Amino acid sequence: MAKTCRTLEGDKLYTLCHNAYCHLNGSVEAVLEANPGLAAEPEPYRSGLLIVLPDLVLASDEQAVQLWS
């Protein structure tokens, strides 16, 4: 289930995504897609901006790399 975040003065998207998802792999793009107009907001964000943090779907077809045989 998606969560909602209310920004504090000075918050940045990369920091919010890292804190919410513990990684940045696709999370920034997913948040921007879930929040039309967010890319137009100047960073650092103003206080009180509501941002939807969607659930991320992990890619299951990623192949593991074998370093040694």
PDB file of N, CA and C in Angstrom:
ATOM      1  N   MET A   1       0.843  -1.178   0.000  1.00  0.00           N
ATOM      2  CA  MET A   1       0.000   0.000   0.000  1.00  0.00           C
ATOM      3  C   MET A   1       0.889   1.241   0.000  1.00  0.00           C
ATOM      4  N   ALA A   2       0.583   2.170  -0.854  1.00  0.00           N
ATOM      5  CA  ALA A   2       1.368   3.396  -0.963  1.00  0.00           C
ATOM      6  C   ALA A   2       1.276   4.208   0.329  1.00  0.00           C
ATOM      7  N   LYS A   3       2.328   4.940   0.610  1.00  0.00           N
ATOM      8  CA  LYS A   3       2.371   5.813   1.779  1.00  0.00           C
ATOM      9  C   LYS A   3       2.395   7.258   1.304  1.00  0.00           C
ATOM     10  N   THR A   4       2.065   8.167   2.197  1.00  0.00           N
ATOM     11  CA  THR A   4       2.127   9.591   1.895  1.00  0.00           C
ATOM     12  C   THR A   4       3.121  10.238   2.842  1.00  0.00           C
ATOM     13  N   CYS A   5       3.909  11.131   2.290  1.00  0.00           N
ATOM     14  CA  CYS A   5       4.927  11.834   3.062  1.00  0.00           C
ATOM     15  C   CYS A   5       4.649  13.332   2.981  1.00  0.00           C
ATOM     16  N   ARG A   6       4.736  14.027   4.097  1.00  0.00           N
ATOM     17  CA  ARG A   6       4.617  15.489   4.110  1.00  0.00           C
ATOM     18  C   ARG A   6       6.020  16.047   4.341  1.00  0.00           C
ATOM     19  N   THR A   7       6.468  16.873   3.409  1.00  0.00           N
ATOM     20  CA  THR A   7       7.842  17.369   3.469  1.00  0.00           C
ATOM     21  C   THR A   7       8.036  18.390   4.584  1.00  0.00           C
ATOM     22  N   LEU A   8       9.274  18.466   5.003  1.00  0.00           N
ATOM     23  CA  LEU A   8       9.735  19.519   5.894  1.00  0.00           C
ATOM     24  C   LEU A   8      10.569  20.480   5.063  1.00  0.00           C
ATOM     25  N   GLU A   9      10.717  21.678   5.532  1.00  0.00           N
ATOM     26  CA  GLU A   9      11.525  22.675   4.829  1.00  0.00           C
ATOM     27  C   GLU A   9      12.920  22.116   4.575  1.00  0.00           C
ATOM     28  N   GLY A  10      13.336  22.111   3.312  1.00  0.00           N
ATOM     29  CA  GLY A  10      14.681  21.667   2.972  1.00  0.00           C
ATOM     30  C   GLY A  10      14.800  20.221   2.529  1.00  0.00           C
ATOM     31  N   ASP A  11      13.704  19.456   2.551  1.00  0.00           N
ATOM     32  CA  ASP A  11      13.764  18.061   2.097  1.00  0.00           C
ATOM     33  C   ASP A  11      14.104  17.984   0.617  1.00  0.00           C
ATOM     34  N   LYS A  12      14.794  16.908   0.243  1.00  0.00           N
ATOM     35  CA  LYS A  12      15.142  16.656  -1.154  1.00  0.00           C
ATOM     36  C   LYS A  12      14.626  15.276  -1.543  1.00  0.00           C
ATOM     37  N   LEU A  13      14.289  15.112  -2.823  1.00  0.00           N
ATOM     38  CA  LEU A  13      13.681  13.874  -3.295  1.00  0.00           C
ATOM     39  C   LEU A  13      14.581  12.667  -3.077  1.00  0.00           C
ATOM     40  N   TYR A  14      15.859  12.789  -3.381  1.00  0.00           N
ATOM     41  CA  TYR A  14      16.766  11.649  -3.220  1.00  0.00           C
ATOM     42  C   TYR A  14      16.826  11.203  -1.759  1.00  0.00           C
ATOM     43  N   THR A  15      16.844  12.148  -0.840  1.00  0.00           N
ATOM     44  CA  THR A  15      16.886  11.816   0.583  1.00  0.00           C
ATOM     45  C   THR A  15      15.585  11.151   1.027  1.00  0.00           C
ATOM     46  N   LEU A  16      14.449  11.681   0.572  1.00  0.00           N
ATOM     47  CA  LEU A  16      13.161  11.078   0.927  1.00  0.00           C
ATOM     48  C   LEU A  16      13.062   9.648   0.415  1.00  0.00           C
ATOM     49  N   CYS A  17      13.500   9.428  -0.832  1.00  0.00           N
ATOM     50  CA  CYS A  17      13.442   8.081  -1.412  1.00  0.00           C
ATOM     51  C   CYS A  17      14.384   7.124  -0.692  1.00  0.00           C
ATOM     52  N   HIS A  18      15.570   7.595  -0.373  1.00  0.00           N
ATOM     53  CA  HIS A  18      16.524   6.731   0.330  1.00  0.00           C
ATOM     54  C   HIS A  18      15.992   6.365   1.712  1.00  0.00           C
ATOM     55  N   ASN A  19      15.398   7.318   2.406  1.00  0.00           N
ATOM     56  CA  ASN A  19      14.847   7.040   3.736  1.00  0.00           C
ATOM     57  C   ASN A  19      13.642   6.099   3.669  1.00  0.00           C
ATOM     58  N   ALA A  20      12.820   6.237   2.646  1.00  0.00           N
ATOM     59  CA  ALA A  20      11.607   5.421   2.539  1.00  0.00           C
ATOM     60  C   ALA A  20      11.880   4.018   2.024  1.00  0.00           C
ATOM     61  N   TYR A  21      12.808   3.892   1.062  1.00  0.00           N
ATOM     62  CA  TYR A  21      13.026   2.608   0.389  1.00  0.00           C
ATOM     63  C   TYR A  21      14.386   1.973   0.685  1.00  0.00           C
ATOM     64  N   CYS A  22      15.276   2.707   1.329  1.00  0.00           N
ATOM     65  CA  CYS A  22      16.632   2.233   1.653  1.00  0.00           C
ATOM     66  C   CYS A  22      17.480   1.977   0.404  1.00  0.00           C
ATOM     67  N   HIS A  23      17.061   2.491  -0.722  1.00  0.00           N
ATOM     68  CA  HIS A  23      17.850   2.414  -1.960  1.00  0.00           C
ATOM     69  C   HIS A  23      17.266   3.421  -2.948  1.00  0.00           C
ATOM     70  N   LEU A  24      17.998   3.656  -4.021  1.00  0.00           N
ATOM     71  CA  LEU A  24      17.525   4.588  -5.044  1.00  0.00           C
ATOM     72  C   LEU A  24      17.238   3.896  -6.372  1.00  0.00           C
ATOM     73  N   ASN A  25      17.336   2.581  -6.436  1.00  0.00           N
ATOM     74  CA  ASN A  25      17.145   1.834  -7.682  1.00  0.00           C
ATOM     75  C   ASN A  25      15.703   1.919  -8.161  1.00  0.00           C
ATOM     76  N   GLY A  26      15.410   2.890  -8.989  1.00  0.00           N
ATOM     77  CA  GLY A  26      14.074   3.057  -9.536  1.00  0.00           C
ATOM     78  C   GLY A  26      13.095   3.777  -8.632  1.00  0.00           C
ATOM     79  N   SER A  27      13.481   4.060  -7.403  1.00  0.00           N
ATOM     80  CA  SER A  27      12.539   4.680  -6.473  1.00  0.00           C
ATOM     81  C   SER A  27      12.250   6.135  -6.828  1.00  0.00           C
ATOM     82  N   VAL A  28      13.262   6.879  -7.235  1.00  0.00           N
ATOM     83  CA  VAL A  28      13.056   8.282  -7.598  1.00  0.00           C
ATOM     84  C   VAL A  28      12.105   8.370  -8.795  1.00  0.00           C
ATOM     85  N   GLU A  29      12.342   7.533  -9.789  1.00  0.00           N
ATOM     86  CA  GLU A  29      11.494   7.529 -10.979  1.00  0.00           C
ATOM     87  C   GLU A  29      10.052   7.149 -10.630  1.00  0.00           C
ATOM     88  N   ALA A  30       9.884   6.160  -9.754  1.00  0.00           N
ATOM     89  CA  ALA A  30       8.544   5.716  -9.353  1.00  0.00           C
ATOM     90  C   ALA A  30       7.802   6.817  -8.602  1.00  0.00           C
ATOM     91  N   VAL A  31       8.502   7.534  -7.737  1.00  0.00           N
ATOM     92  CA  VAL A  31       7.874   8.622  -6.981  1.00  0.00           C
ATOM     93  C   VAL A  31       7.486   9.763  -7.922  1.00  0.00           C
ATOM     94  N   LEU A  32       8.352  10.094  -8.863  1.00  0.00           N
ATOM     95  CA  LEU A  32       8.019  11.148  -9.824  1.00  0.00           C
ATOM     96  C   LEU A  32       6.819  10.754 -10.681  1.00  0.00           C
ATOM     97  N   GLU A  33       6.736   9.489 -11.054  1.00  0.00           N
ATOM     98  CA  GLU A  33       5.612   9.008 -11.859  1.00  0.00           C
ATOM     99  C   GLU A  33       4.307   9.039 -11.067  1.00  0.00           C
ATOM    100  N   ALA A  34       4.381   8.766  -9.779  1.00  0.00           N
ATOM    101  CA  ALA A  34       3.188   8.737  -8.928  1.00  0.00           C
ATOM    102  C   ALA A  34       2.726  10.134  -8.507  1.00  0.00           C
ATOM    103  N   ASN A  35       3.565  11.145  -8.753  1.00  0.00           N
ATOM    104  CA  ASN A  35       3.261  12.504  -8.318  1.00  0.00           C
ATOM    105  C   ASN A  35       3.394  13.486  -9.476  1.00  0.00           C
ATOM    106  N   PRO A  36       2.371  13.584 -10.322  1.00  0.00           N
ATOM    107  CA  PRO A  36       2.438  14.533 -11.430  1.00  0.00           C
ATOM    108  C   PRO A  36       2.684  15.955 -10.915  1.00  0.00           C
ATOM    109  N   GLY A  37       3.611  16.642 -11.535  1.00  0.00           N
ATOM    110  CA  GLY A  37       3.928  18.005 -11.135  1.00  0.00           C
ATOM    111  C   GLY A  37       5.053  18.107 -10.127  1.00  0.00           C
ATOM    112  N   LEU A  38       5.452  16.995  -9.534  1.00  0.00           N
ATOM    113  CA  LEU A  38       6.512  17.040  -8.524  1.00  0.00           C
ATOM    114  C   LEU A  38       7.845  17.474  -9.125  1.00  0.00           C
ATOM    115  N   ALA A  39       8.107  17.074 -10.356  1.00  0.00           N
ATOM    116  CA  ALA A  39       9.366  17.448 -11.005  1.00  0.00           C
ATOM    117  C   ALA A  39       9.472  18.961 -11.196  1.00  0.00           C
ATOM    118  N   ALA A  40       8.348  19.653 -11.236  1.00  0.00           N
ATOM    119  CA  ALA A  40       8.353  21.105 -11.412  1.00  0.00           C
ATOM    120  C   ALA A  40       8.557  21.850 -10.093  1.00  0.00           C
ATOM    121  N   GLU A  41       8.418  21.153  -8.971  1.00  0.00           N
ATOM    122  CA  GLU A  41       8.625  21.786  -7.657  1.00  0.00           C
ATOM    123  C   GLU A  41      10.114  22.030  -7.441  1.00  0.00           C
ATOM    124  N   PRO A  42      10.476  23.228  -7.010  1.00  0.00           N
ATOM    125  CA  PRO A  42      11.905  23.493  -6.771  1.00  0.00           C
ATOM    126  C   PRO A  42      12.407  22.748  -5.533  1.00  0.00           C
ATOM    127  N   GLU A  43      13.631  22.250  -5.642  1.00  0.00           N
ATOM    128  CA  GLU A  43      14.290  21.612  -4.493  1.00  0.00           C
ATOM    129  C   GLU A  43      15.323  22.567  -3.937  1.00  0.00           C
ATOM    130  N   PRO A  44      15.545  22.556  -2.652  1.00  0.00           N
ATOM    131  CA  PRO A  44      14.876  21.759  -1.628  1.00  0.00           C
ATOM    132  C   PRO A  44      13.409  22.168  -1.504  1.00  0.00           C
ATOM    133  N   TYR A  45      12.579  21.177  -1.122  1.00  0.00           N
ATOM    134  CA  TYR A  45      11.139  21.387  -1.082  1.00  0.00           C
ATOM    135  C   TYR A  45      10.724  22.305   0.056  1.00  0.00           C
ATOM    136  N   ARG A  46       9.587  22.941  -0.165  1.00  0.00           N
ATOM    137  CA  ARG A  46       8.972  23.759   0.883  1.00  0.00           C
ATOM    138  C   ARG A  46       8.309  22.829   1.902  1.00  0.00           C
ATOM    139  N   SER A  47       8.007  23.345   3.025  1.00  0.00           N
ATOM    140  CA  SER A  47       7.354  22.572   4.076  1.00  0.00           C
ATOM    141  C   SER A  47       5.894  22.312   3.715  1.00  0.00           C
ATOM    142  N   GLY A  48       5.406  21.097   3.990  1.00  0.00           N
ATOM    143  CA  GLY A  48       4.001  20.768   3.825  1.00  0.00           C
ATOM    144  C   GLY A  48       3.598  20.170   2.497  1.00  0.00           C
ATOM    145  N   LEU A  49       4.544  19.927   1.605  1.00  0.00           N
ATOM    146  CA  LEU A  49       4.239  19.324   0.307  1.00  0.00           C
ATOM    147  C   LEU A  49       3.933  17.842   0.514  1.00  0.00           C
ATOM    148  N   LEU A  50       2.793  17.369  -0.015  1.00  0.00           N
ATOM    149  CA  LEU A  50       2.422  15.959   0.120  1.00  0.00           C
ATOM    150  C   LEU A  50       2.964  15.172  -1.058  1.00  0.00           C
ATOM    151  N   ILE A  51       3.681  14.093  -0.765  1.00  0.00           N
ATOM    152  CA  ILE A  51       4.281  13.247  -1.789  1.00  0.00           C
ATOM    153  C   ILE A  51       3.832  11.813  -1.550  1.00  0.00           C
ATOM    154  N   VAL A  52       3.308  11.186  -2.603  1.00  0.00           N
ATOM    155  CA  VAL A  52       2.910   9.777  -2.538  1.00  0.00           C
ATOM    156  C   VAL A  52       4.147   8.921  -2.768  1.00  0.00           C
ATOM    157  N   LEU A  53       4.370   7.968  -1.868  1.00  0.00           N
ATOM    158  CA  LEU A  53       5.481   7.021  -1.981  1.00  0.00           C
ATOM    159  C   LEU A  53       4.879   5.667  -2.359  1.00  0.00           C
ATOM    160  N   PRO A  54       4.886   5.338  -3.653  1.00  0.00           N
ATOM    161  CA  PRO A  54       4.224   4.110  -4.100  1.00  0.00           C
ATOM    162  C   PRO A  54       4.983   2.858  -3.682  1.00  0.00           C
ATOM    163  N   ASP A  55       4.273   1.740  -3.678  1.00  0.00           N
ATOM    164  CA  ASP A  55       4.937   0.456  -3.472  1.00  0.00           C
ATOM    165  C   ASP A  55       5.785   0.170  -4.701  1.00  0.00           C
ATOM    166  N   LEU A  56       6.976  -0.335  -4.485  1.00  0.00           N
ATOM    167  CA  LEU A  56       7.861  -0.663  -5.595  1.00  0.00           C
ATOM    168  C   LEU A  56       7.732  -2.132  -5.938  1.00  0.00           C
ATOM    169  N   VAL A  57       7.712  -2.420  -7.213  1.00  0.00           N
ATOM    170  CA  VAL A  57       7.671  -3.794  -7.695  1.00  0.00           C
ATOM    171  C   VAL A  57       9.093  -4.199  -8.032  1.00  0.00           C
ATOM    172  N   LEU A  58       9.565  -5.247  -7.388  1.00  0.00           N
ATOM    173  CA  LEU A  58      10.921  -5.712  -7.644  1.00  0.00           C
ATOM    174  C   LEU A  58      10.938  -6.584  -8.881  1.00  0.00           C
ATOM    175  N   ALA A  59      11.915  -6.365  -9.721  1.00  0.00           N
ATOM    176  CA  ALA A  59      12.051  -7.166 -10.942  1.00  0.00           C
ATOM    177  C   ALA A  59      12.500  -8.571 -10.566  1.00  0.00           C
ATOM    178  N   SER A  60      11.722  -9.561 -10.957  1.00  0.00           N
ATOM    179  CA  SER A  60      12.051 -10.938 -10.594  1.00  0.00           C
ATOM    180  C   SER A  60      12.890 -11.633 -11.652  1.00  0.00           C
ATOM    181  N   ASP A  61      12.989 -11.041 -12.852  1.00  0.00           N
ATOM    182  CA  ASP A  61      13.760 -11.698 -13.897  1.00  0.00           C
ATOM    183  C   ASP A  61      15.215 -11.252 -13.946  1.00  0.00           C
ATOM    184  N   GLU A  62      15.682 -10.580 -12.910  1.00  0.00           N
ATOM    185  CA  GLU A  62      17.093 -10.218 -12.885  1.00  0.00           C
ATOM    186  C   GLU A  62      17.928 -11.480 -12.730  1.00  0.00           C
ATOM    187  N   GLN A  63      18.981 -11.562 -13.494  1.00  0.00           N
ATOM    188  CA  GLN A  63      19.839 -12.734 -13.425  1.00  0.00           C
ATOM    189  C   GLN A  63      21.056 -12.423 -12.561  1.00  0.00           C
ATOM    190  N   ALA A  64      21.418 -13.393 -11.755  1.00  0.00           N
ATOM    191  CA  ALA A  64      22.598 -13.243 -10.918  1.00  0.00           C
ATOM    192  C   ALA A  64      23.844 -13.399 -11.776  1.00  0.00           C
ATOM    193  N   VAL A  65      24.847 -12.635 -11.430  1.00  0.00           N
ATOM    194  CA  VAL A  65      26.117 -12.723 -12.140  1.00  0.00           C
ATOM    195  C   VAL A  65      27.021 -13.676 -11.377  1.00  0.00           C
ATOM    196  N   GLN A  66      27.551 -14.657 -12.057  1.00  0.00           N
ATOM    197  CA  GLN A  66      28.452 -15.615 -11.431  1.00  0.00           C
ATOM    198  C   GLN A  66      29.884 -15.169 -11.722  1.00  0.00           C
ATOM    199  N   LEU A  67      30.613 -14.826 -10.672  1.00  0.00           N
ATOM    200  CA  LEU A  67      31.966 -14.317 -10.840  1.00  0.00           C
ATOM    201  C   LEU A  67      32.981 -15.419 -11.090  1.00  0.00           C
ATOM    202  N   TRP A  68      32.811 -16.555 -10.422  1.00  0.00           N
ATOM    203  CA  TRP A  68      33.739 -17.673 -10.596  1.00  0.00           C
ATOM    204  C   TRP A  68      32.959 -18.929 -10.931  1.00  0.00           C
ATOM    205  N   SER A  69      33.556 -19.806 -11.726  1.00  0.00           N
ATOM    206  CA  SER A  69      32.844 -21.041 -12.073  1.00  0.00           C
ATOM    207  C   SER A  69      33.152 -22.167 -11.113  1.00  0.00           C
TER     208      SER A  69
END
